[in-house]
Amino acid sequence: MLTHTDLKKGVRIILDGQPCEILEANSMKKAQRRPVVQSKIKNLITGNVLERNFQQGEVFEEAELLKLKAKFLYSHREHYFFCEEENPSKRFDLVLEQIGEQAKFLRPNLPVEALIFEEKIISIILPIKIEMKVTEAPPGVQGDRAQGGTKAVTVESGAIVNVPLFVEEGDIIEINTDTGEYVKRVE
């Protein structure tokens, strides 16, 4: 059992019978009152994000989630199809709501981890950093600025990422899938 002090980013708990992941947790204490943990929670089955406050003394059951190595195959009308890495004949699909913002970084044959709760696949986890090829890049215009400039480019999955001006079409860049930001250009 977990208490309100164990609630930190990335911790998975069972809330109202469904597995949830803590996205943010801030402890707050007002004068003469008990401490309260303000948190943002993502329901791993529906993908809904909600804000909730937890009081001192509340206890939670830790969500037991199994992980399965899988790879992305293709998408069709907001359905995303995957297969097990060891057994490609075992396939499963998830809808956009279950995957969330990470769906824009999926490309064919990308290895992912599937989360299993009560023998049912509920969501996926992408690698934190992935490499993608830049398919469209407008020319970078040097201007009068104090910091380095950025421009928006399109990568092979169709996602738009802000990158430095020196990145060109055909370059391979590394992207952080949690934040959706450019990390570096791969040589």
C-alpha atoms as a PDB file:
ATOM      1  CA  MET A   1       0.000   0.000   0.000  1.00  0.00           C
ATOM      2  CA  LEU A   2       1.150   3.502  -0.847  1.00  0.00           C
ATOM      3  CA  THR A   3       0.469   6.649   1.173  1.00  0.00           C
ATOM      4  CA  HIS A   4       0.030  10.233  -0.024  1.00  0.00           C
ATOM      5  CA  THR A   5       3.783  10.843   0.454  1.00  0.00           C
ATOM      6  CA  ASP A   6       4.629   8.095  -2.099  1.00  0.00           C
ATOM      7  CA  LEU A   7       2.774   9.904  -4.910  1.00  0.00           C
ATOM      8  CA  LYS A   8       5.448  11.045  -7.345  1.00  0.00           C
ATOM      9  CA  LYS A   9       5.690  11.364 -11.136  1.00  0.00           C
ATOM     10  CA  GLY A  10       5.563   7.955 -12.815  1.00  0.00           C
ATOM     11  CA  VAL A  11       4.014   6.049  -9.874  1.00  0.00           C
ATOM     12  CA  ARG A  12       1.096   3.856 -10.944  1.00  0.00           C
ATOM     13  CA  ILE A  13      -1.842   3.356  -8.576  1.00  0.00           C
ATOM     14  CA  ILE A  14      -5.328   1.879  -8.710  1.00  0.00           C
ATOM     15  CA  LEU A  15      -7.952   4.596  -8.371  1.00  0.00           C
ATOM     16  CA  ASP A  16     -11.671   3.778  -8.537  1.00  0.00           C
ATOM     17  CA  GLY A  17     -10.783   0.276  -9.778  1.00  0.00           C
ATOM     18  CA  GLN A  18      -8.718   1.484 -12.754  1.00  0.00           C
ATOM     19  CA  PRO A  19      -4.937   1.849 -13.174  1.00  0.00           C
ATOM     20  CA  CYS A  20      -3.692   5.430 -13.196  1.00  0.00           C
ATOM     21  CA  GLU A  21      -0.292   7.056 -13.564  1.00  0.00           C
ATOM     22  CA  ILE A  22       0.763  10.149 -11.633  1.00  0.00           C
ATOM     23  CA  LEU A  23       1.861  12.882 -14.082  1.00  0.00           C
ATOM     24  CA  GLU A  24       2.480  15.602 -11.480  1.00  0.00           C
ATOM     25  CA  ALA A  25       2.373  15.656  -7.680  1.00  0.00           C
ATOM     26  CA  ASN A  26       2.951  18.714  -5.509  1.00  0.00           C
ATOM     27  CA  SER A  27       2.739  18.651  -1.734  1.00  0.00           C
ATOM     28  CA  MET A  28       1.051  21.711  -0.261  1.00  0.00           C
ATOM     29  CA  LYS A  29       0.461  22.756   3.341  1.00  0.00           C
ATOM     30  CA  LYS A  30      -1.661  25.698   4.319  1.00  0.00           C
ATOM     31  CA  ALA A  31      -1.434  27.230   7.781  1.00  0.00           C
ATOM     32  CA  GLN A  32      -3.150  25.167  10.506  1.00  0.00           C
ATOM     33  CA  ARG A  33      -4.248  22.503   7.999  1.00  0.00           C
ATOM     34  CA  ARG A  34      -3.159  19.000   7.089  1.00  0.00           C
ATOM     35  CA  PRO A  35      -0.868  18.580   4.092  1.00  0.00           C
ATOM     36  CA  VAL A  36      -2.538  18.034   0.730  1.00  0.00           C
ATOM     37  CA  VAL A  37      -1.005  16.516  -2.404  1.00  0.00           C
ATOM     38  CA  GLN A  38      -2.251  18.242  -5.566  1.00  0.00           C
ATOM     39  CA  SER A  39      -1.814  15.912  -8.521  1.00  0.00           C
ATOM     40  CA  LYS A  40      -2.493  15.346 -12.201  1.00  0.00           C
ATOM     41  CA  ILE A  41      -3.427  11.752 -12.948  1.00  0.00           C
ATOM     42  CA  LYS A  42      -3.757   9.907 -16.258  1.00  0.00           C
ATOM     43  CA  ASN A  43      -6.177   6.992 -16.454  1.00  0.00           C
ATOM     44  CA  LEU A  44      -4.213   4.316 -18.335  1.00  0.00           C
ATOM     45  CA  ILE A  45      -7.323   2.659 -19.794  1.00  0.00           C
ATOM     46  CA  THR A  46      -9.247   5.688 -21.094  1.00  0.00           C
ATOM     47  CA  GLY A  47      -6.329   8.128 -21.431  1.00  0.00           C
ATOM     48  CA  ASN A  48      -8.252  10.851 -19.544  1.00  0.00           C
ATOM     49  CA  VAL A  49      -6.186  13.271 -17.462  1.00  0.00           C
ATOM     50  CA  LEU A  50      -7.741  14.660 -14.293  1.00  0.00           C
ATOM     51  CA  GLU A  51      -6.638  16.807 -11.381  1.00  0.00           C
ATOM     52  CA  ARG A  52      -7.191  15.481  -7.890  1.00  0.00           C
ATOM     53  CA  ASN A  53      -6.182  16.366  -4.338  1.00  0.00           C
ATOM     54  CA  PHE A  54      -5.210  13.700  -1.822  1.00  0.00           C
ATOM     55  CA  GLN A  55      -5.368  14.174   1.945  1.00  0.00           C
ATOM     56  CA  GLN A  56      -2.955  12.955   4.588  1.00  0.00           C
ATOM     57  CA  GLY A  57      -3.850   9.411   5.648  1.00  0.00           C
ATOM     58  CA  GLU A  58      -5.207   8.219   2.289  1.00  0.00           C
ATOM     59  CA  VAL A  59      -3.744   4.904   1.099  1.00  0.00           C
ATOM     60  CA  PHE A  60      -3.562   3.507  -2.417  1.00  0.00           C
ATOM     61  CA  GLU A  61      -3.001   0.128  -3.976  1.00  0.00           C
ATOM     62  CA  GLU A  62      -0.055   0.008  -6.369  1.00  0.00           C
ATOM     63  CA  ALA A  63      -1.111  -1.017  -9.879  1.00  0.00           C
ATOM     64  CA  GLU A  64       0.493  -4.278 -10.962  1.00  0.00           C
ATOM     65  CA  LEU A  65       1.175  -3.845 -14.644  1.00  0.00           C
ATOM     66  CA  LEU A  66       2.977  -6.379 -16.782  1.00  0.00           C
ATOM     67  CA  LYS A  67       5.071  -5.281 -19.752  1.00  0.00           C
ATOM     68  CA  LEU A  68       5.224  -6.978 -23.126  1.00  0.00           C
ATOM     69  CA  LYS A  69       7.705  -6.204 -25.893  1.00  0.00           C
ATOM     70  CA  ALA A  70       5.818  -5.286 -29.051  1.00  0.00           C
ATOM     71  CA  LYS A  71       6.255  -3.320 -32.252  1.00  0.00           C
ATOM     72  CA  PHE A  72       4.042  -0.866 -34.101  1.00  0.00           C
ATOM     73  CA  LEU A  73       2.689  -2.088 -37.453  1.00  0.00           C
ATOM     74  CA  TYR A  74       0.333   0.529 -38.919  1.00  0.00           C
ATOM     75  CA  SER A  75      -2.577   2.860 -38.189  1.00  0.00           C
ATOM     76  CA  HIS A  76      -5.998   3.099 -39.798  1.00  0.00           C
ATOM     77  CA  ARG A  77      -8.757   5.573 -38.829  1.00  0.00           C
ATOM     78  CA  GLU A  78      -7.438   6.311 -35.328  1.00  0.00           C
ATOM     79  CA  HIS A  79      -6.809   2.617 -34.616  1.00  0.00           C
ATOM     80  CA  TYR A  80      -3.169   1.672 -34.056  1.00  0.00           C
ATOM     81  CA  PHE A  81      -2.128  -1.924 -34.698  1.00  0.00           C
ATOM     82  CA  PHE A  82       0.742  -3.693 -32.922  1.00  0.00           C
ATOM     83  CA  CYS A  83       2.154  -7.219 -32.712  1.00  0.00           C
ATOM     84  CA  GLU A  84       4.209  -9.094 -30.141  1.00  0.00           C
ATOM     85  CA  GLU A  85       7.929  -8.937 -30.886  1.00  0.00           C
ATOM     86  CA  GLU A  86       8.499 -12.698 -30.412  1.00  0.00           C
ATOM     87  CA  ASN A  87       5.232 -13.778 -32.041  1.00  0.00           C
ATOM     88  CA  PRO A  88       4.167 -11.490 -34.941  1.00  0.00           C
ATOM     89  CA  SER A  89       0.957 -13.489 -35.458  1.00  0.00           C
ATOM     90  CA  LYS A  90      -0.377 -12.237 -32.086  1.00  0.00           C
ATOM     91  CA  ARG A  91      -1.730  -8.788 -32.868  1.00  0.00           C
ATOM     92  CA  PHE A  92      -3.654  -6.187 -30.911  1.00  0.00           C
ATOM     93  CA  ASP A  93      -4.943  -2.675 -31.535  1.00  0.00           C
ATOM     94  CA  LEU A  94      -5.446   0.445 -29.445  1.00  0.00           C
ATOM     95  CA  VAL A  95      -7.403   3.613 -30.134  1.00  0.00           C
ATOM     96  CA  LEU A  96      -5.924   7.111 -30.167  1.00  0.00           C
ATOM     97  CA  GLU A  97      -7.334   7.948 -26.702  1.00  0.00           C
ATOM     98  CA  GLN A  98      -5.383   5.066 -25.128  1.00  0.00           C
ATOM     99  CA  ILE A  99      -2.078   6.103 -26.707  1.00  0.00           C
ATOM    100  CA  GLY A 100      -2.439   9.870 -26.356  1.00  0.00           C
ATOM    101  CA  GLU A 101       0.076  12.428 -27.637  1.00  0.00           C
ATOM    102  CA  GLN A 102       2.725   9.754 -28.230  1.00  0.00           C
ATOM    103  CA  ALA A 103       0.807   8.518 -31.304  1.00  0.00           C
ATOM    104  CA  LYS A 104       2.394  11.235 -33.452  1.00  0.00           C
ATOM    105  CA  PHE A 105       5.816   9.588 -33.019  1.00  0.00           C
ATOM    106  CA  LEU A 106       4.782   6.072 -34.116  1.00  0.00           C
ATOM    107  CA  ARG A 107       6.361   4.712 -37.289  1.00  0.00           C
ATOM    108  CA  PRO A 108       6.275   1.158 -38.707  1.00  0.00           C
ATOM    109  CA  ASN A 109       8.456  -1.431 -36.879  1.00  0.00           C
ATOM    110  CA  LEU A 110       9.119   0.910 -33.932  1.00  0.00           C
ATOM    111  CA  PRO A 111       9.690  -1.230 -30.800  1.00  0.00           C
ATOM    112  CA  VAL A 112       7.380  -0.312 -27.893  1.00  0.00           C
ATOM    113  CA  GLU A 113       6.324  -1.791 -24.551  1.00  0.00           C
ATOM    114  CA  ALA A 114       2.689  -2.766 -24.086  1.00  0.00           C
ATOM    115  CA  LEU A 115       1.171  -2.418 -20.606  1.00  0.00           C
ATOM    116  CA  ILE A 116      -1.034  -5.294 -19.449  1.00  0.00           C
ATOM    117  CA  PHE A 117      -3.564  -4.876 -16.620  1.00  0.00           C
ATOM    118  CA  GLU A 118      -5.739  -7.824 -15.583  1.00  0.00           C
ATOM    119  CA  GLU A 119      -4.706  -9.791 -18.705  1.00  0.00           C
ATOM    120  CA  LYS A 120      -5.770  -6.989 -21.066  1.00  0.00           C
ATOM    121  CA  ILE A 121      -3.456  -4.669 -23.029  1.00  0.00           C
ATOM    122  CA  ILE A 122      -4.381  -1.128 -22.000  1.00  0.00           C
ATOM    123  CA  SER A 123      -1.629   1.157 -23.307  1.00  0.00           C
ATOM    124  CA  ILE A 124       1.880   1.406 -24.728  1.00  0.00           C
ATOM    125  CA  ILE A 125       5.114   3.070 -23.697  1.00  0.00           C
ATOM    126  CA  LEU A 126       7.411   4.486 -26.372  1.00  0.00           C
ATOM    127  CA  PRO A 127      11.174   4.613 -25.896  1.00  0.00           C
ATOM    128  CA  ILE A 128      12.128   7.948 -24.289  1.00  0.00           C
ATOM    129  CA  LYS A 129      14.347   8.934 -27.227  1.00  0.00           C
ATOM    130  CA  ILE A 130      13.738   7.906 -30.823  1.00  0.00           C
ATOM    131  CA  GLU A 131      15.493   8.715 -34.076  1.00  0.00           C
ATOM    132  CA  MET A 132      13.443  10.023 -37.004  1.00  0.00           C
ATOM    133  CA  LYS A 133      14.257  11.292 -40.475  1.00  0.00           C
ATOM    134  CA  VAL A 134      13.333  14.877 -41.385  1.00  0.00           C
ATOM    135  CA  THR A 135      11.034  14.787 -44.448  1.00  0.00           C
ATOM    136  CA  GLU A 136      10.252  18.514 -44.784  1.00  0.00           C
ATOM    137  CA  ALA A 137      12.401  21.404 -43.632  1.00  0.00           C
ATOM    138  CA  PRO A 138      11.930  25.035 -44.687  1.00  0.00           C
ATOM    139  CA  PRO A 139      15.143  26.984 -45.216  1.00  0.00           C
ATOM    140  CA  GLY A 140      16.442  28.591 -42.033  1.00  0.00           C
ATOM    141  CA  VAL A 141      16.542  32.377 -42.215  1.00  0.00           C
ATOM    142  CA  GLN A 142      19.307  33.981 -40.200  1.00  0.00           C
ATOM    143  CA  GLY A 143      18.126  37.107 -38.474  1.00  0.00           C
ATOM    144  CA  ASP A 144      19.071  39.614 -35.838  1.00  0.00           C
ATOM    145  CA  ARG A 145      18.603  37.647 -32.619  1.00  0.00           C
ATOM    146  CA  ALA A 146      20.331  37.163 -29.300  1.00  0.00           C
ATOM    147  CA  GLN A 147      19.661  33.386 -29.043  1.00  0.00           C
ATOM    148  CA  GLY A 148      19.876  30.671 -31.670  1.00  0.00           C
ATOM    149  CA  GLY A 149      16.802  30.465 -33.869  1.00  0.00           C
ATOM    150  CA  THR A 150      14.504  27.532 -34.432  1.00  0.00           C
ATOM    151  CA  LYS A 151      12.242  26.351 -37.225  1.00  0.00           C
ATOM    152  CA  ALA A 152       9.436  23.790 -37.479  1.00  0.00           C
ATOM    153  CA  VAL A 153      10.192  20.641 -39.493  1.00  0.00           C
ATOM    154  CA  THR A 154       8.125  17.569 -40.335  1.00  0.00           C
ATOM    155  CA  VAL A 155       9.521  14.121 -39.490  1.00  0.00           C
ATOM    156  CA  GLU A 156       8.716  10.775 -41.144  1.00  0.00           C
ATOM    157  CA  SER A 157       5.764  10.044 -38.826  1.00  0.00           C
ATOM    158  CA  GLY A 158       4.114  13.363 -39.746  1.00  0.00           C
ATOM    159  CA  ALA A 159       4.864  15.056 -36.402  1.00  0.00           C
ATOM    160  CA  ILE A 160       6.060  18.667 -36.388  1.00  0.00           C
ATOM    161  CA  VAL A 161       9.110  19.392 -34.226  1.00  0.00           C
ATOM    162  CA  ASN A 162      10.963  22.653 -33.510  1.00  0.00           C
ATOM    163  CA  VAL A 163      14.657  22.266 -34.346  1.00  0.00           C
ATOM    164  CA  PRO A 164      17.714  24.535 -34.721  1.00  0.00           C
ATOM    165  CA  LEU A 165      18.225  26.328 -38.041  1.00  0.00           C
ATOM    166  CA  PHE A 166      21.052  24.016 -39.181  1.00  0.00           C
ATOM    167  CA  VAL A 167      18.782  20.921 -39.465  1.00  0.00           C
ATOM    168  CA  GLU A 168      17.945  20.157 -43.097  1.00  0.00           C
ATOM    169  CA  GLU A 169      15.699  17.784 -45.034  1.00  0.00           C
ATOM    170  CA  GLY A 170      17.091  14.223 -44.964  1.00  0.00           C
ATOM    171  CA  ASP A 171      18.843  14.659 -41.587  1.00  0.00           C
ATOM    172  CA  ILE A 172      18.152  12.138 -38.839  1.00  0.00           C
ATOM    173  CA  ILE A 173      17.313  13.754 -35.499  1.00  0.00           C
ATOM    174  CA  GLU A 174      16.744  12.407 -31.997  1.00  0.00           C
ATOM    175  CA  ILE A 175      13.445  13.376 -30.323  1.00  0.00           C
ATOM    176  CA  ASN A 176      12.362  13.085 -26.681  1.00  0.00           C
ATOM    177  CA  THR A 177       8.921  11.391 -26.830  1.00  0.00           C
ATOM    178  CA  ASP A 178       7.889  12.637 -23.368  1.00  0.00           C
ATOM    179  CA  THR A 179       8.288  16.323 -24.225  1.00  0.00           C
ATOM    180  CA  GLY A 180       8.152  16.164 -28.042  1.00  0.00           C
ATOM    181  CA  GLU A 181      11.336  18.242 -28.254  1.00  0.00           C
ATOM    182  CA  TYR A 182      14.453  18.002 -30.412  1.00  0.00           C
ATOM    183  CA  VAL A 183      17.460  16.479 -28.615  1.00  0.00           C
ATOM    184  CA  LYS A 184      20.254  16.298 -31.191  1.00  0.00           C
ATOM    185  CA  ARG A 185      21.137  15.601 -34.815  1.00  0.00           C
ATOM    186  CA  VAL A 186      22.440  12.066 -35.381  1.00  0.00           C
ATOM    187  CA  GLU A 187      25.623  11.804 -37.452  1.00  0.00           C
END
